[in-house]
Amino acid sequence: MTPPPLEPGCTLGVLGGGQLGRMVALAAARLGVHVHVFAPEGDCPAAEVARRHTRASWDDPHALDTFAATVDVVTCEFENVPAGALERLAARVPVRPGARAFAIAQDRIAEKSFLRERGVPTAPWRPVRSADELGAARAALGEGILKTARLGYDGKGQLRLHPSLSDAEAFAALGGVPCVLEGVVPFVRELSALVARRADGASLVFPVSENAHREGVLVRARHPARAHAAALAAAAGIARALAIGLDLVGLLCVELFLGPDGRVYVNELAPRPHNSFHWSIDGGAACQFEALVRAVLGWPLPAVVPVGDLTLENLLGDEVHAWSEALATPGARLHLYGKGAPRPGRKMGHLTHLLPAGSLPRGGLGEDLLSVPGEPGLHLRRGDAGWYAAGPDDAPLPADAVPARVRALIPGLDAGDPRAAGWEPDPRR
């Protein structure tokens, strides 16, 4: 039986004290919901804006029990809360999105196995629990990316393999812990899809975001994403289906790759708010943090209607010192997280740019954008993974929409650079 919705004035427990918890607390406060943060850190961004803060370790049973007695429902701002803490809390108070979602998201082997069971496309992968298993995985997949099965995020716990690195050296470099080896797939875009879901099954899918990373850390995101309508629909459908498969209550973000053929491949899952959707705070009728609050309390889900084109720019490390220039930028909204000293790669804040609909550039100039002789509706574009065919809106086209003579050149254009065939630069932006 679906529990009744909670009332305004209830208390939402948030596990974790980072910037995501901070933004959850701000969204909850606007709706008249109190927030009690549980985090081991004393000086944390979420505690600055929450009504209460319990500072205690995850293995402190008395602190967990006391926390549970003061809240009506619990959610998390990060997925790596220890399982023992989640189990103890769940015996006393509803914990959402739920134990299964956390168990799968905390372990890449479990996550990728779950995706395979659901028939969701991913990059090829193999579990690696020893140097010998790594050798067998490299023989099958080539020099891919080795990732720890647990606790890796924002580029941490990852190693790009190369032939000069032995199996033993690579496995030891990540601590000799269970890992996965992921094969490399060509892609032209990084995307993410976000779904909010209530306990009664009602759900909302946000518009897909397009992302760019540097050294495993998100640096930019934008809406609308440059992708064919079929790819956007596939991404949204996958997110909704996975939320149902996890029986998730709350938020689920699905990170994806868009291949040169227009198909999407799932990279990772995050059952929580996600950096790539911070633009939703300023760019729509309701943001991802309000959607999370509404979902876990059983309230009606919001309508998300972006007000125009939007870009997100993370402020990493010393980039935060440009806050004054950011405030002086027309159409820009600055968000600072209240953290201490900046460190390289540390997320200190973000900047959202609000632009009129249709104002974001749809491409580039010169040799990165080539016209296709005899095909006025097509052009070739150079992406991160090589050349691909796109339509007038610069969105990658599915393979069946591309003539065979063009399709023979993608993905990767193994036959050579199209410029050698005399194709002309396309002057369109």
Protein backbone atom coordinates (compact mmCIF):
# COMPACT_ATOMS: atom_id res chain seq x y z
CA MET A 1 0.00 0.00 0.00
CA THR A 2 1.31 3.44 -0.91
CA PRO A 3 1.86 5.55 2.22
CA PRO A 4 -0.09 8.82 2.46
CA PRO A 5 1.77 12.01 1.57
CA LEU A 6 3.51 13.86 4.37
CA GLU A 7 2.38 17.34 5.35
CA PRO A 8 4.23 20.66 5.17
CA GLY A 9 6.12 21.13 8.42
CA CYS A 10 7.43 17.56 8.34
CA THR A 11 11.16 16.83 8.65
CA LEU A 12 13.22 15.41 5.83
CA GLY A 13 16.41 13.64 6.86
CA VAL A 14 19.34 14.05 4.46
CA LEU A 15 22.34 11.75 4.62
CA GLY A 16 25.46 13.65 3.59
CA GLY A 17 26.46 17.27 4.00
CA GLY A 18 27.76 18.35 0.61
CA GLN A 19 26.48 20.88 -1.89
CA LEU A 20 23.72 18.57 -3.11
CA GLY A 21 22.37 18.34 0.42
CA ARG A 22 22.62 22.11 0.67
CA MET A 23 20.48 22.60 -2.42
CA VAL A 24 17.97 19.98 -1.23
CA ALA A 25 17.63 21.90 2.05
CA LEU A 26 17.10 25.19 0.23
CA ALA A 27 14.38 23.67 -1.97
CA ALA A 28 12.71 22.03 1.04
CA ALA A 29 12.69 25.26 3.04
CA ARG A 30 10.77 27.04 0.29
CA LEU A 31 8.07 24.37 0.63
CA GLY A 32 7.87 24.63 4.41
CA VAL A 33 9.75 21.38 5.00
CA HIS A 34 12.41 21.14 7.71
CA VAL A 35 15.71 19.40 7.00
CA HIS A 36 17.91 17.47 9.43
CA VAL A 37 21.34 16.63 8.00
CA PHE A 38 23.39 13.64 9.16
CA ALA A 39 27.06 13.93 8.19
CA PRO A 40 30.39 13.07 9.80
CA GLU A 41 31.83 16.47 8.85
CA GLY A 42 31.34 19.42 11.14
CA ASP A 43 31.75 22.29 8.68
CA CYS A 44 29.72 21.20 5.68
CA PRO A 45 27.72 23.13 3.07
CA ALA A 46 24.37 21.48 3.86
CA ALA A 47 24.57 22.17 7.60
CA GLU A 48 24.77 25.92 6.95
CA VAL A 49 21.21 26.00 5.61
CA ALA A 50 19.54 23.05 7.36
CA ARG A 51 17.45 23.31 10.54
CA ARG A 52 19.48 20.64 12.33
CA HIS A 53 22.78 18.85 11.86
CA THR A 54 23.89 15.65 13.51
CA ARG A 55 27.64 15.23 13.32
CA ALA A 56 28.45 11.58 13.88
CA SER A 57 30.09 8.64 12.14
CA TRP A 58 28.10 6.25 9.98
CA ASP A 59 28.73 3.41 12.43
CA ASP A 60 27.38 5.23 15.50
CA PRO A 61 24.16 3.33 16.35
CA HIS A 62 22.99 5.76 19.03
CA ALA A 63 23.38 8.75 16.71
CA LEU A 64 21.57 6.95 13.88
CA ASP A 65 18.69 5.97 16.17
CA THR A 66 18.37 9.49 17.54
CA PHE A 67 18.42 10.92 14.04
CA ALA A 68 15.73 8.49 12.86
CA ALA A 69 13.48 9.51 15.76
CA THR A 70 13.55 13.16 14.64
CA VAL A 71 12.70 12.76 10.93
CA ASP A 72 9.71 11.56 8.92
CA VAL A 73 11.57 10.26 5.87
CA VAL A 74 15.22 9.97 4.81
CA THR A 75 16.97 10.52 1.50
CA CYS A 76 20.64 10.76 0.47
CA GLU A 77 22.71 13.38 -1.28
CA PHE A 78 25.33 10.81 -2.28
CA GLU A 79 25.09 7.09 -2.96
CA ASN A 80 27.99 5.77 -0.88
CA VAL A 81 26.40 5.81 2.56
CA PRO A 82 27.49 2.54 4.22
CA ALA A 83 24.94 -0.25 3.92
CA GLY A 84 24.87 -0.85 7.67
CA ALA A 85 23.74 2.73 8.34
CA LEU A 86 21.04 2.49 5.69
CA GLU A 87 19.75 -0.80 7.08
CA ARG A 88 19.57 0.53 10.62
CA LEU A 89 17.71 3.65 9.53
CA ALA A 90 15.34 1.73 7.24
CA ALA A 91 14.21 -0.37 10.20
CA ARG A 92 13.00 2.80 11.91
CA VAL A 93 11.97 5.28 9.19
CA PRO A 94 11.32 5.20 5.41
CA VAL A 95 14.58 5.55 3.46
CA ARG A 96 14.22 6.63 -0.14
CA PRO A 97 15.16 5.79 -2.90
CA GLY A 98 15.54 2.42 -1.13
CA ALA A 99 18.12 -0.20 -0.25
CA ARG A 100 18.18 -1.92 -3.66
CA ALA A 101 18.92 1.29 -5.55
CA PHE A 102 21.80 2.10 -3.20
CA ALA A 103 23.22 -1.43 -3.30
CA ILE A 104 23.33 -1.39 -7.10
CA ALA A 105 24.67 2.16 -7.44
CA GLN A 106 27.42 1.57 -4.86
CA ASP A 107 29.03 -1.27 -6.83
CA ARG A 108 29.88 -1.02 -10.51
CA ILE A 109 29.82 -4.79 -10.94
CA ALA A 110 26.30 -4.95 -9.50
CA GLU A 111 25.29 -1.89 -11.52
CA LYS A 112 26.50 -3.23 -14.84
CA SER A 113 25.03 -6.66 -14.12
CA PHE A 114 21.68 -5.01 -13.43
CA LEU A 115 21.87 -3.08 -16.70
CA ARG A 116 22.72 -6.26 -18.61
CA GLU A 117 19.79 -8.09 -17.02
CA ARG A 118 17.47 -5.26 -18.10
CA GLY A 119 18.78 -5.39 -21.67
CA VAL A 120 20.21 -1.87 -21.49
CA PRO A 121 23.16 -1.19 -23.85
CA THR A 122 26.49 -0.33 -22.23
CA ALA A 123 30.12 -0.30 -23.21
CA PRO A 124 31.60 -3.82 -23.12
CA TRP A 125 32.95 -4.65 -19.67
CA ARG A 126 34.43 -7.38 -17.51
CA PRO A 127 34.67 -7.79 -13.72
CA VAL A 128 38.25 -7.70 -12.44
CA ARG A 129 39.11 -9.14 -9.03
CA SER A 130 42.76 -9.98 -9.62
CA ALA A 131 45.67 -9.17 -11.90
CA ASP A 132 45.04 -12.42 -13.78
CA GLU A 133 41.40 -11.45 -14.39
CA LEU A 134 42.61 -8.07 -15.62
CA GLY A 135 44.87 -9.77 -18.14
CA ALA A 136 41.97 -11.83 -19.48
CA ALA A 137 39.76 -8.75 -19.62
CA ARG A 138 42.40 -6.77 -21.54
CA ALA A 139 42.74 -9.61 -24.01
CA ALA A 140 38.98 -9.47 -24.63
CA LEU A 141 38.37 -5.71 -24.57
CA GLY A 142 41.68 -4.05 -25.32
CA GLU A 143 43.19 -1.13 -23.41
CA GLY A 144 40.09 0.28 -21.77
CA ILE A 145 39.43 2.13 -18.53
CA LEU A 146 39.92 0.31 -15.23
CA LYS A 147 37.58 1.52 -12.47
CA THR A 148 37.23 0.50 -8.86
CA ALA A 149 33.92 -1.26 -8.27
CA ARG A 150 33.19 0.93 -5.25
CA LEU A 151 33.69 4.53 -4.09
CA GLY A 152 34.91 6.06 -7.36
CA TYR A 153 33.41 9.37 -8.50
CA ASP A 154 34.42 12.58 -10.32
CA GLY A 155 37.31 10.81 -12.00
CA LYS A 156 38.61 9.17 -8.81
CA GLY A 157 39.31 5.45 -8.73
CA GLN A 158 39.91 5.27 -12.49
CA LEU A 159 42.90 4.41 -14.63
CA ARG A 160 43.24 4.58 -18.40
CA LEU A 161 45.28 1.53 -19.41
CA HIS A 162 48.12 1.52 -21.90
CA PRO A 163 50.41 -1.27 -23.14
CA SER A 164 53.39 -0.17 -21.03
CA LEU A 165 51.38 -0.80 -17.83
CA SER A 166 51.42 -4.43 -16.70
CA ASP A 167 48.35 -6.18 -15.30
CA ALA A 168 49.91 -6.34 -11.84
CA GLU A 169 50.91 -2.66 -11.91
CA ALA A 170 47.49 -1.50 -13.05
CA PHE A 171 45.60 -3.62 -10.51
CA ALA A 172 47.91 -2.46 -7.70
CA ALA A 173 47.57 1.18 -8.76
CA LEU A 174 43.89 1.07 -7.80
CA GLY A 175 44.59 -0.61 -4.49
CA GLY A 176 44.10 -4.24 -5.48
CA VAL A 177 40.36 -3.98 -4.88
CA PRO A 178 37.58 -5.37 -7.10
CA CYS A 179 37.27 -3.38 -10.31
CA VAL A 180 35.62 -3.37 -13.71
CA LEU A 181 37.38 -2.94 -17.01
CA GLU A 182 35.30 -0.95 -19.48
CA GLY A 183 35.98 -1.11 -23.18
CA VAL A 184 36.14 2.17 -25.06
CA VAL A 185 33.14 3.02 -27.25
CA PRO A 186 33.17 5.86 -29.79
CA PHE A 187 30.82 8.67 -28.87
CA VAL A 188 29.96 12.13 -30.09
CA ARG A 189 28.10 13.44 -27.06
CA GLU A 190 27.84 12.79 -23.32
CA LEU A 191 24.23 12.94 -22.13
CA SER A 192 22.32 12.49 -18.90
CA ALA A 193 18.67 11.74 -18.25
CA LEU A 194 16.94 12.41 -14.94
CA VAL A 195 13.70 10.93 -13.63
CA ALA A 196 11.76 11.72 -10.46
CA ARG A 197 9.45 8.98 -9.18
CA ARG A 198 6.99 8.69 -6.30
CA ALA A 199 6.09 5.60 -4.28
CA ASP A 200 2.82 5.22 -6.23
CA GLY A 201 4.73 5.01 -9.53
CA ALA A 202 3.99 8.52 -10.81
CA SER A 203 7.09 9.86 -12.53
CA LEU A 204 8.56 12.85 -14.32
CA VAL A 205 11.47 12.83 -16.79
CA PHE A 206 13.49 16.01 -17.17
CA PRO A 207 14.71 17.21 -20.58
CA VAL A 208 17.97 15.45 -21.42
CA SER A 209 21.17 17.34 -20.62
CA GLU A 210 24.35 17.43 -22.72
CA ASN A 211 27.59 17.32 -20.73
CA ALA A 212 31.33 17.80 -21.06
CA HIS A 213 33.93 16.40 -18.66
CA ARG A 214 37.59 17.11 -18.00
CA GLU A 215 39.63 14.42 -16.24
CA GLY A 216 36.42 12.72 -15.15
CA VAL A 217 34.89 15.88 -13.63
CA LEU A 218 31.89 17.66 -15.15
CA VAL A 219 32.88 21.11 -16.39
CA ARG A 220 29.89 22.12 -18.52
CA ALA A 221 26.32 21.10 -19.27
CA ARG A 222 23.69 22.52 -21.56
CA HIS A 223 20.03 22.37 -22.51
CA PRO A 224 18.88 21.57 -25.09
CA ALA A 225 21.13 18.62 -25.81
CA ARG A 226 22.35 18.31 -29.38
CA ALA A 227 20.93 14.93 -30.28
CA HIS A 228 18.37 13.45 -32.64
CA ALA A 229 14.83 13.22 -31.26
CA ALA A 230 15.00 9.41 -31.31
CA ALA A 231 18.15 9.41 -29.16
CA LEU A 232 16.62 11.83 -26.66
CA ALA A 233 13.51 9.67 -26.44
CA ALA A 234 15.63 6.56 -25.95
CA ALA A 235 17.60 8.20 -23.13
CA ALA A 236 14.43 9.31 -21.36
CA GLY A 237 12.83 5.90 -21.83
CA ILE A 238 15.84 4.11 -20.37
CA ALA A 239 15.82 6.36 -17.31
CA ARG A 240 12.13 5.77 -16.67
CA ALA A 241 12.45 2.00 -17.17
CA LEU A 242 15.43 1.73 -14.82
CA ALA A 243 13.63 3.72 -12.12
CA ILE A 244 10.77 1.23 -12.36
CA GLY A 245 13.18 -1.70 -12.32
CA LEU A 246 14.80 -0.37 -9.14
CA ASP A 247 11.40 0.43 -7.58
CA LEU A 248 13.01 3.79 -6.95
CA VAL A 249 11.41 6.59 -4.95
CA GLY A 250 13.25 9.88 -5.43
CA LEU A 251 15.63 10.77 -8.26
CA LEU A 252 17.62 8.64 -10.68
CA CYS A 253 20.19 10.15 -13.04
CA VAL A 254 21.43 8.02 -15.92
CA GLU A 255 24.68 9.06 -17.59
CA LEU A 256 24.91 8.02 -21.24
CA PHE A 257 27.09 8.15 -24.33
CA LEU A 258 25.61 9.06 -27.71
CA GLY A 259 27.30 7.00 -30.41
CA PRO A 260 28.05 8.14 -33.98
CA ASP A 261 25.17 5.91 -35.15
CA GLY A 262 22.65 7.76 -32.97
CA ARG A 263 22.32 5.00 -30.37
CA VAL A 264 22.76 5.63 -26.65
CA TYR A 265 24.83 3.58 -24.19
CA VAL A 266 24.48 3.80 -20.41
CA ASN A 267 27.63 4.69 -18.50
CA GLU A 268 26.59 5.10 -14.85
CA LEU A 269 23.61 5.45 -12.52
CA ALA A 270 23.20 7.91 -9.64
CA PRO A 271 20.08 7.63 -7.41
CA ARG A 272 20.30 11.25 -6.25
CA PRO A 273 20.45 14.82 -7.61
CA HIS A 274 23.07 15.27 -10.29
CA ASN A 275 25.48 18.06 -11.19
CA SER A 276 24.44 18.00 -14.84
CA PHE A 277 20.94 19.20 -13.91
CA HIS A 278 21.89 22.15 -11.72
CA TRP A 279 20.70 24.37 -14.59
CA SER A 280 17.17 23.36 -13.57
CA ILE A 281 17.41 25.60 -10.48
CA ASP A 282 17.25 28.71 -12.65
CA GLY A 283 15.86 27.39 -15.89
CA GLY A 284 12.39 26.01 -15.28
CA ALA A 285 9.22 26.03 -13.24
CA ALA A 286 10.77 23.56 -10.78
CA CYS A 287 14.26 22.19 -10.24
CA GLN A 288 15.62 18.72 -9.58
CA PHE A 289 15.93 19.40 -5.85
CA GLU A 290 12.29 20.38 -5.50
CA ALA A 291 11.35 17.33 -7.57
CA LEU A 292 13.28 15.14 -5.12
CA VAL A 293 11.55 16.68 -2.11
CA ARG A 294 8.14 16.27 -3.69
CA ALA A 295 8.82 12.69 -4.75
CA VAL A 296 9.99 11.41 -1.35
CA LEU A 297 7.16 13.20 0.48
CA GLY A 298 4.54 11.81 -1.91
CA TRP A 299 3.53 15.23 -3.24
CA PRO A 300 2.42 16.05 -6.81
CA LEU A 301 5.42 16.18 -9.11
CA PRO A 302 6.19 19.51 -10.79
CA ALA A 303 6.02 20.37 -14.45
CA VAL A 304 9.50 21.07 -15.79
CA VAL A 305 9.34 23.55 -18.64
CA PRO A 306 12.73 25.14 -19.43
CA VAL A 307 12.42 28.87 -19.97
CA GLY A 308 14.96 28.92 -22.83
CA ASP A 309 18.44 27.72 -23.66
CA LEU A 310 20.65 27.11 -20.64
CA THR A 311 24.30 26.41 -19.97
CA LEU A 312 25.95 25.30 -16.75
CA GLU A 313 29.59 26.03 -15.95
CA ASN A 314 31.16 24.44 -12.89
CA LEU A 315 33.57 26.58 -10.87
CA LEU A 316 36.43 24.23 -10.01
CA GLY A 317 39.19 25.10 -7.60
CA ASP A 318 40.57 28.60 -8.07
CA GLU A 319 37.97 29.38 -10.73
CA VAL A 320 35.74 30.43 -7.85
CA HIS A 321 37.86 33.58 -7.45
CA ALA A 322 36.15 34.93 -10.59
CA TRP A 323 32.87 35.29 -8.67
CA SER A 324 32.78 39.06 -9.13
CA GLU A 325 33.08 38.81 -12.90
CA ALA A 326 30.37 36.14 -12.86
CA LEU A 327 27.99 38.42 -11.00
CA ALA A 328 28.58 41.14 -13.57
CA THR A 329 27.73 38.86 -16.51
CA PRO A 330 24.25 39.57 -17.95
CA GLY A 331 21.96 36.57 -17.82
CA ALA A 332 24.23 34.65 -15.43
CA ARG A 333 23.19 33.17 -12.07
CA LEU A 334 25.94 32.46 -9.58
CA HIS A 335 25.71 29.66 -6.98
CA LEU A 336 28.48 29.30 -4.37
CA TYR A 337 28.56 26.27 -2.08
CA GLY A 338 30.09 27.79 1.05
CA LYS A 339 33.12 25.52 1.00
CA GLY A 340 36.52 26.30 2.48
CA ALA A 341 39.80 26.58 0.63
CA PRO A 342 39.66 25.70 -3.08
CA ARG A 343 41.62 22.70 -4.34
CA PRO A 344 42.27 21.63 -7.92
CA GLY A 345 39.11 19.98 -9.25
CA ARG A 346 37.03 20.78 -6.15
CA LYS A 347 33.50 21.91 -6.99
CA MET A 348 33.20 25.32 -5.37
CA GLY A 349 30.10 26.57 -7.16
CA HIS A 350 28.47 26.88 -10.54
CA LEU A 351 27.27 29.47 -12.98
CA THR A 352 24.08 29.14 -15.01
CA HIS A 353 23.60 31.22 -18.15
CA LEU A 354 20.00 31.85 -19.21
CA LEU A 355 19.63 32.51 -22.94
CA PRO A 356 16.65 33.05 -25.27
CA ALA A 357 15.37 29.85 -26.85
CA GLY A 358 17.33 28.99 -29.98
CA SER A 359 20.34 31.13 -29.13
CA LEU A 360 22.90 28.41 -28.36
CA PRO A 361 25.32 27.74 -31.24
CA ARG A 362 24.56 24.53 -33.06
CA GLY A 363 27.98 23.84 -34.55
CA GLY A 364 31.39 25.15 -35.55
CA LEU A 365 33.24 26.38 -38.61
CA GLY A 366 35.58 25.11 -41.24
CA GLU A 367 37.10 21.68 -41.30
CA ASP A 368 35.11 20.39 -38.34
CA LEU A 369 31.88 20.78 -40.34
CA LEU A 370 31.79 19.42 -43.91
CA SER A 371 28.96 19.50 -46.41
CA VAL A 372 27.97 16.25 -48.13
CA PRO A 373 27.88 16.63 -51.93
CA GLY A 374 24.43 15.79 -53.26
CA GLU A 375 22.92 15.60 -49.76
CA PRO A 376 21.80 19.13 -48.75
CA GLY A 377 20.13 17.82 -45.59
CA LEU A 378 23.31 16.19 -44.28
CA HIS A 379 26.76 17.24 -43.15
CA LEU A 380 29.70 15.61 -41.42
CA ARG A 381 30.89 16.89 -38.07
CA ARG A 382 34.04 16.06 -36.13
CA GLY A 383 33.19 15.03 -32.56
CA ASP A 384 35.26 13.83 -29.62
CA ALA A 385 35.35 10.32 -31.06
CA GLY A 386 35.78 11.20 -34.75
CA TRP A 387 33.46 12.13 -37.61
CA TYR A 388 29.72 11.51 -37.69
CA ALA A 389 26.76 12.36 -39.90
CA ALA A 390 24.29 14.98 -38.71
CA GLY A 391 21.17 16.73 -39.92
CA PRO A 392 20.43 20.44 -40.38
CA ASP A 393 20.07 20.93 -36.61
CA ASP A 394 23.55 19.39 -36.04
CA ALA A 395 22.01 16.41 -34.22
CA PRO A 396 23.61 13.01 -34.95
CA LEU A 397 21.43 10.91 -37.25
CA PRO A 398 20.59 7.23 -36.75
CA ALA A 399 22.30 4.89 -39.18
CA ASP A 400 19.15 4.10 -41.18
CA ALA A 401 18.71 7.82 -41.98
CA VAL A 402 22.17 8.11 -43.55
CA PRO A 403 22.85 7.09 -47.19
CA ALA A 404 25.05 4.04 -47.55
CA ARG A 405 27.88 5.97 -49.21
CA VAL A 406 28.03 8.27 -46.20
CA ARG A 407 27.44 5.52 -43.66
CA ALA A 408 30.46 3.67 -45.04
CA LEU A 409 32.61 6.47 -43.66
CA ILE A 410 31.35 6.28 -40.03
CA PRO A 411 31.99 5.56 -37.23
CA GLY A 412 35.59 6.63 -37.10
CA LEU A 413 35.92 7.04 -40.87
CA ASP A 414 38.23 4.06 -41.15
CA ALA A 415 38.47 4.75 -44.87
CA GLY A 416 40.21 8.03 -44.16
CA ASP A 417 39.49 11.68 -43.61
CA PRO A 418 36.55 12.91 -45.76
CA ARG A 419 38.57 15.94 -46.77
CA ALA A 420 40.68 13.61 -48.92
CA ALA A 421 37.53 12.89 -50.95
CA GLY A 422 37.17 16.57 -51.78
CA TRP A 423 34.26 17.33 -49.46
CA GLU A 424 34.02 21.04 -48.79
CA PRO A 425 34.00 22.92 -45.46
CA ASP A 426 30.50 23.96 -44.52
CA PRO A 427 30.37 27.65 -43.50
CA ARG A 428 27.24 27.25 -41.35
CA ARG A 429 27.45 27.76 -37.62
